[in-house]
Amino acid sequence: MKIDIWSDIACPWCYIGLTRFERALEAFPHADGVEVTLHSFQLDPTLPETYDGTETQYLAQRKGMPEASVREMFGHVSEAAATEGLVMDFDTLQVANSRRAHRLLHAAASESPATAWELKRSLLKAHFTDAESIWDADVLVRLATGAGLSEDAARAAIDSEERDAQVAADIDAARRLGISGVPFFVFHEKYGISGAQPLEVFTQALAQVWEEAHPRPAFETLTIPGLQQDATGPACGPEGCD
């Protein structure tokens, strides 16, 4: 079963949603048969490389919102994050463009899906918890090597035109699919789930879509005199015959 996920690093609900999805997948009995692909998305491509101010100040200026309203919104998100064991510190968070990090994620994905997942977790934690810049080359290389990417591959990817084209292709694909917000999960190239849904939603979606993708044989019962409909007749199996 194939699952495609669009998300941004500078997106708190993506951190929460991916954490919930991963918990559901870890508990799914057919997890080994699920292929997950991470795709790039940028909520705000105009974010500066660096910004001399807080996330609250930036959003208030960018969106024209009162700072009190922004802080209230962040409080709500932080409470939701805490239920998943995540810490989000919006007061120390460094506002930074996520484009370089997305290029790096594509390089990690070329190594393996597991490498990409590990790097994605590290990037989200660095941004929301550890007050690190997701534009800073040294930070990105350290996180990438920690996830299993070589230093040379990481440094080459940060400003790579090839990797940037892959990021752009993901964003174009999202646009064609009508995806305007993240996180967004596409199950089996057929069903879309938007947002950081509760764990139970992901658990049920995995089970239902797996059953659809792997239907069990269905047999109709014949009505024949003498046919035992509530029991099986004599037969042979791997262990012998009745």
Protein backbone atom coordinates (compact mmCIF):
# COMPACT_ATOMS: atom_id res chain seq x y z
CA MET A 1 0.00 0.00 0.00
CA LYS A 2 1.36 3.40 -0.98
CA ILE A 3 1.02 6.55 1.13
CA ASP A 4 2.19 9.98 -0.02
CA ILE A 5 2.57 12.79 2.50
CA TRP A 6 2.96 16.49 1.72
CA SER A 7 4.29 18.63 4.57
CA ASP A 8 6.47 21.60 5.44
CA ILE A 9 9.15 21.89 8.13
CA ALA A 10 7.96 25.36 9.15
CA CYS A 11 4.52 23.95 10.00
CA PRO A 12 3.63 23.02 13.59
CA TRP A 13 0.61 20.93 12.63
CA CYS A 14 2.84 18.93 10.29
CA TYR A 15 5.04 18.02 13.27
CA ILE A 16 1.99 16.89 15.22
CA GLY A 17 0.32 15.13 12.29
CA LEU A 18 3.41 13.22 11.21
CA THR A 19 3.99 12.13 14.80
CA ARG A 20 0.44 10.79 15.07
CA PHE A 21 0.64 9.07 11.70
CA GLU A 22 3.95 7.44 12.60
CA ARG A 23 2.49 6.12 15.86
CA ALA A 24 -0.43 4.61 13.96
CA LEU A 25 1.88 3.05 11.38
CA GLU A 26 4.17 1.55 14.04
CA ALA A 27 1.16 -0.26 15.54
CA PHE A 28 -0.23 -1.37 12.15
CA PRO A 29 0.20 -5.16 11.68
CA HIS A 30 0.99 -4.76 7.96
CA ALA A 31 3.44 -1.87 8.37
CA ASP A 32 6.13 -3.73 6.41
CA GLY A 33 3.84 -3.65 3.39
CA VAL A 34 3.31 0.12 3.49
CA GLU A 35 5.45 2.38 1.30
CA VAL A 36 5.56 5.96 2.60
CA THR A 37 6.91 8.82 0.48
CA LEU A 38 7.52 12.29 1.91
CA HIS A 39 6.83 15.23 -0.41
CA SER A 40 7.85 18.87 -0.12
CA PHE A 41 5.46 21.77 0.43
CA GLN A 42 6.12 25.37 1.43
CA LEU A 43 3.41 27.26 3.25
CA ASP A 44 5.28 30.54 2.81
CA PRO A 45 8.01 30.52 0.15
CA THR A 46 8.61 34.22 0.92
CA LEU A 47 9.99 33.50 4.40
CA PRO A 48 13.38 35.19 4.75
CA GLU A 49 16.60 33.25 5.16
CA THR A 50 16.89 34.95 8.54
CA TYR A 51 14.57 37.27 10.44
CA ASP A 52 15.56 39.46 13.36
CA GLY A 53 12.44 38.90 15.41
CA THR A 54 10.12 36.26 16.84
CA GLU A 55 7.70 34.02 15.02
CA THR A 56 4.88 35.92 16.70
CA GLN A 57 6.17 39.22 15.36
CA TYR A 58 6.71 37.83 11.88
CA LEU A 59 3.22 36.34 11.58
CA ALA A 60 1.61 39.46 13.03
CA GLN A 61 3.34 41.56 10.37
CA ARG A 62 2.89 39.08 7.53
CA LYS A 63 -0.76 38.25 8.19
CA GLY A 64 -1.81 41.56 9.71
CA MET A 65 -2.93 39.82 12.91
CA PRO A 66 -2.75 41.23 16.45
CA GLU A 67 0.18 39.71 18.33
CA ALA A 68 -2.20 38.63 21.09
CA SER A 69 -4.17 36.54 18.59
CA VAL A 70 -0.99 34.93 17.27
CA ARG A 71 0.15 34.05 20.79
CA GLU A 72 -3.27 32.56 21.52
CA MET A 73 -3.02 30.44 18.37
CA PHE A 74 0.46 29.27 19.34
CA GLY A 75 -0.78 28.36 22.80
CA HIS A 76 -3.44 26.12 21.30
CA VAL A 77 -0.90 24.42 19.02
CA SER A 78 1.58 23.95 21.88
CA GLU A 79 -1.08 22.24 23.98
CA ALA A 80 -1.90 19.85 21.13
CA ALA A 81 1.81 19.14 20.65
CA ALA A 82 2.25 18.36 24.33
CA THR A 83 -0.33 15.57 24.09
CA GLU A 84 2.08 13.88 21.65
CA GLY A 85 5.13 14.46 23.84
CA LEU A 86 6.38 17.30 21.61
CA VAL A 87 7.76 20.61 22.85
CA MET A 88 7.21 23.75 20.78
CA ASP A 89 8.91 26.96 21.83
CA PHE A 90 7.59 29.76 19.65
CA ASP A 91 9.40 32.43 21.66
CA THR A 92 12.87 31.14 20.70
CA LEU A 93 12.00 29.66 17.29
CA GLN A 94 14.15 31.04 14.48
CA VAL A 95 12.10 32.20 11.51
CA ALA A 96 13.79 30.76 8.42
CA ASN A 97 12.97 29.60 4.91
CA SER A 98 12.58 25.81 4.59
CA ARG A 99 13.72 25.47 0.97
CA ARG A 100 17.24 24.27 1.74
CA ALA A 101 15.89 21.72 4.21
CA HIS A 102 13.51 20.36 1.57
CA ARG A 103 16.38 19.93 -0.89
CA LEU A 104 18.22 18.01 1.80
CA LEU A 105 15.20 15.77 2.40
CA HIS A 106 15.20 14.77 -1.25
CA ALA A 107 18.85 13.80 -0.98
CA ALA A 108 18.02 11.74 2.11
CA ALA A 109 15.12 10.05 0.32
CA SER A 110 17.50 8.99 -2.45
CA GLU A 111 19.40 7.05 0.23
CA SER A 112 16.34 5.42 1.78
CA PRO A 113 12.85 6.25 3.10
CA ALA A 114 14.14 5.58 6.63
CA THR A 115 16.88 8.20 6.20
CA ALA A 116 14.33 10.74 5.01
CA TRP A 117 12.04 10.02 7.96
CA GLU A 118 14.88 10.35 10.45
CA LEU A 119 15.98 13.64 8.93
CA LYS A 120 12.41 14.95 8.86
CA ARG A 121 12.04 14.28 12.58
CA SER A 122 15.35 15.98 13.29
CA LEU A 123 14.49 19.04 11.22
CA LEU A 124 11.13 19.50 12.91
CA LYS A 125 12.66 19.17 16.37
CA ALA A 126 15.50 21.53 15.50
CA HIS A 127 13.04 24.14 14.28
CA PHE A 128 10.29 23.96 16.88
CA THR A 129 12.13 22.74 20.00
CA ASP A 130 15.81 23.51 19.74
CA ALA A 131 15.66 27.05 18.27
CA GLU A 132 17.99 26.17 15.40
CA SER A 133 17.88 27.74 11.95
CA ILE A 134 16.69 25.38 9.22
CA TRP A 135 18.47 27.60 6.69
CA ASP A 136 21.91 27.42 8.35
CA ALA A 137 24.17 25.14 6.31
CA ASP A 138 26.14 23.82 9.28
CA VAL A 139 22.96 22.95 11.17
CA LEU A 140 21.51 21.19 8.15
CA VAL A 141 24.66 19.18 7.48
CA ARG A 142 24.88 18.11 11.13
CA LEU A 143 21.28 16.95 11.14
CA ALA A 144 21.69 15.15 7.82
CA THR A 145 24.81 13.27 8.86
CA GLY A 146 23.07 12.33 12.08
CA ALA A 147 20.29 10.80 10.00
CA GLY A 148 22.74 8.77 7.93
CA LEU A 149 23.58 11.00 4.94
CA SER A 150 27.23 11.62 4.12
CA GLU A 151 28.60 15.11 4.71
CA ASP A 152 29.55 15.49 1.07
CA ALA A 153 26.06 14.51 -0.11
CA ALA A 154 24.46 16.86 2.42
CA ARG A 155 26.56 19.88 1.46
CA ALA A 156 26.01 19.21 -2.23
CA ALA A 157 22.24 19.01 -1.78
CA ILE A 158 21.69 22.24 0.14
CA ASP A 159 21.95 24.52 -2.88
CA SER A 160 21.59 21.90 -5.61
CA GLU A 161 19.56 22.92 -8.67
CA GLU A 162 18.65 19.27 -9.22
CA ARG A 163 17.29 18.90 -5.69
CA ASP A 164 15.51 22.23 -5.97
CA ALA A 165 13.78 20.98 -9.12
CA GLN A 166 12.56 17.97 -7.14
CA VAL A 167 11.15 20.28 -4.46
CA ALA A 168 9.40 22.34 -7.13
CA ALA A 169 7.98 19.18 -8.72
CA ASP A 170 6.46 18.13 -5.38
CA ILE A 171 4.89 21.55 -4.93
CA ASP A 172 3.51 21.47 -8.49
CA ALA A 173 2.07 18.00 -7.87
CA ALA A 174 0.33 19.28 -4.75
CA ARG A 175 -1.15 22.15 -6.73
CA ARG A 176 -2.49 19.78 -9.39
CA LEU A 177 -4.08 17.64 -6.70
CA GLY A 178 -5.73 20.68 -5.13
CA ILE A 179 -3.65 20.50 -1.94
CA SER A 180 -3.53 23.95 -0.37
CA GLY A 181 -2.78 23.05 3.25
CA VAL A 182 -0.54 20.59 5.04
CA PRO A 183 -0.06 18.02 6.35
CA PHE A 184 -1.90 16.13 3.64
CA PHE A 185 -1.92 12.34 3.35
CA VAL A 186 -2.86 10.42 0.20
CA PHE A 187 -3.63 6.74 0.77
CA HIS A 188 -3.25 4.29 -2.12
CA GLU A 189 -3.35 7.17 -4.65
CA LYS A 190 -7.07 7.40 -3.97
CA TYR A 191 -8.02 8.78 -0.54
CA GLY A 192 -6.94 12.11 0.91
CA ILE A 193 -6.73 12.97 4.60
CA SER A 194 -6.13 16.61 5.45
CA GLY A 195 -4.59 17.93 8.63
CA ALA A 196 -3.21 16.55 11.89
CA GLN A 197 -6.03 14.11 12.48
CA PRO A 198 -6.34 12.14 15.75
CA LEU A 199 -4.39 8.90 16.03
CA GLU A 200 -7.60 6.90 15.71
CA VAL A 201 -8.33 8.37 12.28
CA PHE A 202 -4.97 7.25 10.92
CA THR A 203 -5.37 3.83 12.52
CA GLN A 204 -8.77 3.30 10.92
CA ALA A 205 -7.63 4.66 7.56
CA LEU A 206 -4.69 2.26 7.44
CA ALA A 207 -6.92 -0.71 8.21
CA GLN A 208 -9.71 0.22 5.79
CA VAL A 209 -7.50 1.09 2.84
CA TRP A 210 -5.37 -2.01 3.39
CA GLU A 211 -8.49 -4.18 3.30
CA GLU A 212 -9.59 -2.52 0.07
CA ALA A 213 -6.16 -3.00 -1.47
CA HIS A 214 -5.96 -6.61 -0.31
CA PRO A 215 -9.51 -8.00 -0.51
CA ARG A 216 -10.22 -11.42 0.92
CA PRO A 217 -11.75 -14.01 -1.42
CA ALA A 218 -15.53 -14.04 -1.10
CA PHE A 219 -17.56 -17.15 -1.88
CA GLU A 220 -21.31 -17.48 -2.19
CA THR A 221 -23.03 -20.39 -0.47
CA LEU A 222 -24.75 -22.93 -2.70
CA THR A 223 -28.15 -24.25 -1.65
CA ILE A 224 -27.83 -28.00 -2.19
CA PRO A 225 -29.64 -30.69 -0.21
CA GLY A 226 -27.17 -32.36 2.12
CA LEU A 227 -24.52 -29.62 1.83
CA GLN A 228 -23.24 -28.65 5.27
CA GLN A 229 -23.45 -24.85 5.36
CA ASP A 230 -22.37 -24.36 8.96
CA ALA A 231 -19.44 -26.77 8.95
CA THR A 232 -16.73 -28.02 6.65
CA GLY A 233 -16.72 -31.46 5.08
CA PRO A 234 -13.79 -33.88 5.11
CA ALA A 235 -10.71 -32.40 3.44
CA CYS A 236 -6.92 -32.57 3.33
CA GLY A 237 -4.52 -29.85 4.40
CA PRO A 238 -0.79 -29.36 4.98
CA GLU A 239 -0.97 -31.35 8.21
CA GLY A 240 -2.82 -34.31 6.71
CA CYS A 241 -6.35 -35.40 5.96
CA ASP A 242 -9.51 -35.54 8.05
